[in-house]
N, C-alpha and C. Protein backbone atom coordinates (compact mmCIF):
# COMPACT_ATOMS: atom_id res chain seq x y z
N MET A 1 8.55 -75.12 -45.88
CA MET A 1 8.57 -73.68 -45.83
C MET A 1 9.76 -73.18 -46.62
N PRO A 2 9.55 -72.23 -47.53
CA PRO A 2 10.65 -71.75 -48.37
C PRO A 2 11.58 -70.83 -47.59
N LYS A 3 12.80 -70.78 -48.05
CA LYS A 3 13.77 -69.88 -47.46
C LYS A 3 13.53 -68.49 -48.05
N LEU A 4 13.32 -67.51 -47.20
CA LEU A 4 13.07 -66.15 -47.66
C LEU A 4 14.37 -65.37 -47.62
N PRO A 5 14.55 -64.38 -48.45
CA PRO A 5 13.70 -63.90 -49.53
C PRO A 5 13.82 -64.75 -50.79
N LEU A 6 12.91 -64.55 -51.71
CA LEU A 6 12.89 -65.30 -52.97
C LEU A 6 13.01 -64.34 -54.15
N ARG A 7 13.41 -64.88 -55.28
CA ARG A 7 13.44 -64.10 -56.52
C ARG A 7 12.04 -64.08 -57.12
N ALA A 8 11.76 -63.07 -57.91
CA ALA A 8 10.44 -62.93 -58.54
C ALA A 8 10.12 -64.14 -59.42
N ARG A 9 11.12 -64.63 -60.15
CA ARG A 9 10.88 -65.78 -61.04
C ARG A 9 10.43 -67.02 -60.26
N GLU A 10 11.03 -67.22 -59.08
CA GLU A 10 10.66 -68.37 -58.25
C GLU A 10 9.22 -68.23 -57.73
N ILE A 11 8.83 -67.04 -57.36
CA ILE A 11 7.46 -66.80 -56.90
C ILE A 11 6.47 -67.06 -58.02
N VAL A 12 6.79 -66.59 -59.24
CA VAL A 12 5.92 -66.81 -60.39
C VAL A 12 5.75 -68.30 -60.66
N LYS A 13 6.83 -69.06 -60.63
CA LYS A 13 6.76 -70.51 -60.86
C LYS A 13 5.87 -71.18 -59.84
N ARG A 14 6.03 -70.79 -58.58
CA ARG A 14 5.24 -71.43 -57.52
C ARG A 14 3.77 -71.04 -57.60
N LEU A 15 3.47 -69.79 -57.95
CA LEU A 15 2.08 -69.39 -58.11
C LEU A 15 1.42 -70.15 -59.25
N GLU A 16 2.13 -70.29 -60.38
CA GLU A 16 1.57 -71.03 -61.51
C GLU A 16 1.36 -72.49 -61.16
N LYS A 17 2.24 -73.05 -60.36
CA LYS A 17 2.09 -74.45 -59.93
C LYS A 17 0.84 -74.62 -59.06
N LEU A 18 0.47 -73.56 -58.32
CA LEU A 18 -0.71 -73.60 -57.46
C LEU A 18 -2.00 -73.24 -58.21
N GLY A 19 -1.90 -72.98 -59.53
CA GLY A 19 -3.09 -72.74 -60.33
C GLY A 19 -3.35 -71.29 -60.69
N PHE A 20 -2.47 -70.38 -60.32
CA PHE A 20 -2.63 -68.98 -60.68
C PHE A 20 -2.26 -68.77 -62.14
N ILE A 21 -2.95 -67.84 -62.79
CA ILE A 21 -2.74 -67.54 -64.20
C ILE A 21 -2.36 -66.06 -64.31
N CYS A 22 -1.38 -65.77 -65.16
CA CYS A 22 -0.98 -64.38 -65.38
C CYS A 22 -2.09 -63.69 -66.18
N ASP A 23 -2.74 -62.73 -65.55
CA ASP A 23 -3.82 -61.99 -66.19
C ASP A 23 -3.26 -60.93 -67.13
N HIS A 24 -2.35 -60.12 -66.62
CA HIS A 24 -1.72 -59.09 -67.44
C HIS A 24 -0.51 -58.52 -66.70
N THR A 25 0.23 -57.68 -67.38
CA THR A 25 1.34 -56.98 -66.75
C THR A 25 1.03 -55.49 -66.79
N SER A 26 1.51 -54.82 -65.77
CA SER A 26 1.33 -53.38 -65.68
C SER A 26 2.67 -52.78 -65.28
N GLY A 27 3.37 -52.23 -66.24
CA GLY A 27 4.71 -51.71 -65.96
C GLY A 27 5.64 -52.86 -65.63
N SER A 28 6.22 -52.83 -64.45
CA SER A 28 7.14 -53.89 -64.05
C SER A 28 6.49 -54.87 -63.08
N HIS A 29 5.17 -54.98 -63.10
CA HIS A 29 4.45 -55.88 -62.21
C HIS A 29 3.59 -56.85 -63.02
N MET A 30 3.56 -58.11 -62.59
CA MET A 30 2.70 -59.13 -63.20
C MET A 30 1.52 -59.36 -62.27
N ILE A 31 0.32 -59.36 -62.82
CA ILE A 31 -0.88 -59.57 -62.03
C ILE A 31 -1.41 -60.97 -62.33
N PHE A 32 -1.48 -61.80 -61.29
CA PHE A 32 -1.96 -63.17 -61.39
C PHE A 32 -3.32 -63.28 -60.72
N TYR A 33 -4.15 -64.20 -61.22
CA TYR A 33 -5.41 -64.50 -60.56
C TYR A 33 -5.63 -66.00 -60.55
N HIS A 34 -6.44 -66.45 -59.60
CA HIS A 34 -6.78 -67.87 -59.50
C HIS A 34 -8.23 -68.02 -59.94
N PRO A 35 -8.50 -68.85 -60.95
CA PRO A 35 -9.85 -68.94 -61.51
C PRO A 35 -10.92 -69.44 -60.54
N THR A 36 -10.58 -70.28 -59.59
CA THR A 36 -11.61 -70.80 -58.69
C THR A 36 -11.77 -69.95 -57.43
N THR A 37 -10.68 -69.47 -56.86
CA THR A 37 -10.78 -68.69 -55.63
C THR A 37 -10.98 -67.20 -55.90
N LYS A 38 -10.75 -66.77 -57.15
CA LYS A 38 -10.87 -65.37 -57.56
C LYS A 38 -9.91 -64.45 -56.80
N ARG A 39 -8.87 -65.02 -56.21
CA ARG A 39 -7.86 -64.22 -55.52
C ARG A 39 -6.85 -63.74 -56.54
N ARG A 40 -6.18 -62.65 -56.24
CA ARG A 40 -5.16 -62.16 -57.14
C ARG A 40 -3.88 -61.88 -56.37
N ALA A 41 -2.79 -61.80 -57.11
CA ALA A 41 -1.48 -61.50 -56.53
C ALA A 41 -0.70 -60.67 -57.53
N VAL A 42 -0.06 -59.64 -57.03
CA VAL A 42 0.76 -58.76 -57.86
C VAL A 42 2.21 -59.03 -57.52
N VAL A 43 2.99 -59.42 -58.54
CA VAL A 43 4.40 -59.76 -58.35
C VAL A 43 5.26 -58.75 -59.09
N PRO A 44 6.09 -57.98 -58.36
CA PRO A 44 6.99 -57.05 -59.04
C PRO A 44 8.11 -57.80 -59.75
N GLN A 45 8.45 -57.37 -60.94
CA GLN A 45 9.51 -58.01 -61.73
C GLN A 45 10.78 -57.18 -61.61
N HIS A 46 11.51 -57.40 -60.52
CA HIS A 46 12.76 -56.69 -60.28
C HIS A 46 13.90 -57.69 -60.23
N ARG A 47 15.10 -57.21 -60.42
CA ARG A 47 16.28 -58.08 -60.33
C ARG A 47 16.57 -58.41 -58.88
N GLY A 48 17.19 -59.55 -58.68
CA GLY A 48 17.59 -59.94 -57.34
C GLY A 48 16.43 -60.45 -56.51
N ASP A 49 16.70 -60.59 -55.23
CA ASP A 49 15.70 -61.11 -54.31
C ASP A 49 14.69 -60.02 -53.93
N LEU A 50 13.44 -60.44 -53.76
CA LEU A 50 12.42 -59.53 -53.26
C LEU A 50 12.52 -59.51 -51.74
N PRO A 51 12.28 -58.37 -51.11
CA PRO A 51 12.33 -58.30 -49.65
C PRO A 51 11.33 -59.26 -49.01
N LYS A 52 11.67 -59.71 -47.81
CA LYS A 52 10.83 -60.68 -47.09
C LYS A 52 9.40 -60.16 -46.91
N GLY A 53 9.25 -58.89 -46.58
CA GLY A 53 7.92 -58.31 -46.39
C GLY A 53 7.10 -58.30 -47.66
N THR A 54 7.75 -58.09 -48.80
CA THR A 54 7.05 -58.11 -50.09
C THR A 54 6.55 -59.51 -50.41
N VAL A 55 7.39 -60.51 -50.15
CA VAL A 55 6.99 -61.91 -50.39
C VAL A 55 5.79 -62.26 -49.52
N LYS A 56 5.83 -61.87 -48.26
CA LYS A 56 4.71 -62.17 -47.35
C LYS A 56 3.44 -61.45 -47.79
N ALA A 57 3.57 -60.23 -48.30
CA ALA A 57 2.40 -59.49 -48.77
C ALA A 57 1.78 -60.15 -50.00
N ILE A 58 2.62 -60.66 -50.90
CA ILE A 58 2.13 -61.36 -52.09
C ILE A 58 1.34 -62.60 -51.67
N LEU A 59 1.88 -63.35 -50.72
CA LEU A 59 1.20 -64.56 -50.25
C LEU A 59 -0.11 -64.22 -49.54
N ARG A 60 -0.11 -63.15 -48.76
CA ARG A 60 -1.33 -62.73 -48.06
C ARG A 60 -2.41 -62.33 -49.08
N GLU A 61 -2.02 -61.60 -50.12
CA GLU A 61 -2.95 -61.21 -51.20
C GLU A 61 -3.56 -62.43 -51.87
N ALA A 62 -2.71 -63.43 -52.11
CA ALA A 62 -3.14 -64.63 -52.82
C ALA A 62 -3.90 -65.60 -51.92
N GLY A 63 -3.87 -65.37 -50.62
CA GLY A 63 -4.55 -66.27 -49.69
C GLY A 63 -3.82 -67.58 -49.49
N ILE A 64 -2.48 -67.53 -49.55
CA ILE A 64 -1.65 -68.73 -49.41
C ILE A 64 -0.86 -68.63 -48.12
N GLU A 65 -0.84 -69.73 -47.37
CA GLU A 65 -0.02 -69.78 -46.17
C GLU A 65 1.43 -69.99 -46.56
N LEU A 66 2.34 -69.42 -45.79
CA LEU A 66 3.76 -69.53 -46.08
C LEU A 66 4.22 -70.99 -46.06
N LYS A 67 3.65 -71.78 -45.18
CA LYS A 67 4.04 -73.20 -45.09
C LYS A 67 3.66 -73.98 -46.34
N LYS A 68 2.54 -73.63 -46.98
CA LYS A 68 2.09 -74.34 -48.18
C LYS A 68 2.80 -73.88 -49.44
N PHE A 69 3.46 -72.73 -49.35
CA PHE A 69 4.11 -72.16 -50.52
C PHE A 69 5.46 -72.80 -50.69
């Protein structure tokens, strides 16, 4: 289980490792999708750590359990 909160770059690396692909960016947000599960995740590109609630929301969107992340 990762130590929360995390930086946006760390979340992006872990999503890509799990098979997510960056579909596009919209402003300061990167939109990722998984080709087999068709799930998506929106990751804000801000400096510093993302709040714990934001990290949990990203994982919930992507259908990933916190323990597996």
